Amino acid sequence: MKIIEFTDKAIDAVKSYKNQLQIPEDYFLRVGVKQKNETNKRLVIGFDTKTEKDMEVEVSGIKVVYSPGEVFFFVGMKIDYVELGDRKGFTFVEHKVLAT
């Protein structure tokens, strides 16, 4: 199982934002979670430099960094990009893997 997964829409959106915002090539996509309490978790996503504590993976050509302490939030989830009317953004969706 991959640690961090993205839907095709999310991958396209990240690449589009990186191009539109002219993000330098040495920047990574940082994925994290801001937790207010046990049930209220919010995805944090943006472009950033890598620190020595970060874990790094590559997903569809996108260099992604995350804090190792947050990895359990990503297991079994995918990051999606949703557009609803005039609202748009990244969100977690449950990714179910069927056992064979």
Protein backbone atom coordinates (compact mmCIF):
# COMPACT_ATOMS: atom_id res chain seq x y z
CA MET A 1 0.00 0.00 0.00
CA LYS A 2 1.25 3.47 -0.83
CA ILE A 3 1.58 5.93 2.03
CA ILE A 4 0.01 8.89 0.19
CA GLU A 5 -2.33 8.48 -2.77
CA PHE A 6 -4.04 11.04 -5.00
CA THR A 7 -6.95 10.87 -7.39
CA ASP A 8 -6.28 11.84 -11.00
CA LYS A 9 -8.19 15.12 -10.44
CA ALA A 10 -5.95 15.97 -7.48
CA ILE A 11 -2.77 15.23 -9.46
CA ASP A 12 -3.96 17.45 -12.31
CA ALA A 13 -4.85 20.25 -9.86
CA VAL A 14 -1.45 20.11 -8.11
CA LYS A 15 0.40 20.28 -11.43
CA SER A 16 -1.83 23.13 -12.60
CA TYR A 17 -1.32 25.14 -9.38
CA LYS A 18 2.44 24.57 -9.49
CA ASN A 19 2.55 25.92 -13.04
CA GLN A 20 0.16 28.86 -12.43
CA LEU A 21 1.95 29.94 -9.25
CA GLN A 22 5.39 29.41 -10.80
CA ILE A 23 6.58 27.26 -7.88
CA PRO A 24 10.36 26.62 -8.02
CA GLU A 25 11.44 23.12 -9.03
CA ASP A 26 13.18 22.52 -5.68
CA TYR A 27 9.89 22.88 -3.76
CA PHE A 28 7.81 19.90 -2.68
CA LEU A 29 4.11 19.42 -2.10
CA ARG A 30 3.67 19.31 1.68
CA VAL A 31 0.77 17.23 2.94
CA GLY A 32 -0.26 17.37 6.58
CA VAL A 33 -3.16 17.28 8.99
CA LYS A 34 -4.30 19.95 11.38
CA GLN A 35 -6.16 18.32 14.22
CA LYS A 36 -8.43 20.31 16.53
CA ASN A 37 -9.76 17.27 18.36
CA GLU A 38 -10.23 13.53 17.83
CA THR A 39 -12.97 13.89 15.21
CA ASN A 40 -12.11 17.25 13.64
CA LYS A 41 -9.15 16.81 11.29
CA ARG A 42 -8.37 19.10 8.37
CA LEU A 43 -6.06 18.46 5.42
CA VAL A 44 -3.20 20.92 5.06
CA ILE A 45 -1.59 21.01 1.63
CA GLY A 46 0.81 23.48 0.03
CA PHE A 47 4.20 23.95 -1.58
CA ASP A 48 7.21 24.03 0.74
CA THR A 49 10.86 23.11 1.11
CA LYS A 50 11.89 19.81 2.66
CA THR A 51 13.28 19.65 6.20
CA GLU A 52 15.63 17.01 7.56
CA LYS A 53 12.76 15.44 9.54
CA ASP A 54 10.44 15.04 6.53
CA MET A 55 9.68 11.82 4.71
CA GLU A 56 9.65 12.05 0.91
CA VAL A 57 7.70 10.12 -1.73
CA GLU A 58 6.98 10.70 -5.39
CA VAL A 59 3.44 10.35 -6.71
CA SER A 60 2.84 10.64 -10.47
CA GLY A 61 5.87 12.90 -10.88
CA ILE A 62 5.00 15.09 -7.86
CA LYS A 63 7.56 15.22 -5.06
CA VAL A 64 5.61 15.00 -1.79
CA VAL A 65 6.86 15.53 1.78
CA TYR A 66 5.12 14.82 5.07
CA SER A 67 5.88 14.52 8.76
CA PRO A 68 6.41 10.90 9.82
CA GLY A 69 4.20 11.52 12.88
CA GLU A 70 1.18 12.16 10.65
CA VAL A 71 1.50 9.11 8.42
CA PHE A 72 -1.28 7.18 10.17
CA PHE A 73 -3.78 9.81 8.96
CA PHE A 74 -2.97 8.98 5.32
CA VAL A 75 -3.11 5.18 5.39
CA GLY A 76 -6.29 4.01 3.66
CA MET A 77 -7.07 7.50 2.36
CA LYS A 78 -6.71 9.30 -0.95
CA ILE A 79 -6.41 13.01 -1.55
CA ASP A 80 -9.01 14.29 -4.00
CA TYR A 81 -9.73 17.66 -5.61
CA VAL A 82 -13.36 18.72 -5.48
CA GLU A 83 -15.18 21.56 -7.23
CA LEU A 84 -18.68 22.42 -5.98
CA GLY A 85 -20.05 25.58 -7.52
CA ASP A 86 -17.66 28.40 -6.69
CA ARG A 87 -15.90 26.36 -3.98
CA LYS A 88 -12.96 24.12 -4.73
CA GLY A 89 -10.17 22.43 -2.84
CA PHE A 90 -8.39 19.29 -1.70
CA THR A 91 -9.98 16.76 0.61
CA PHE A 92 -9.44 13.28 2.00
CA VAL A 93 -11.59 10.44 0.69
CA GLU A 94 -11.63 6.93 2.11
CA HIS A 95 -9.80 4.52 -0.17
CA LYS A 96 -10.95 0.96 0.37
CA VAL A 97 -8.65 -1.82 -0.68
CA LEU A 98 -10.27 -5.19 -1.36
CA ALA A 99 -8.47 -8.18 0.07
CA THR A 100 -7.78 -10.99 -2.37
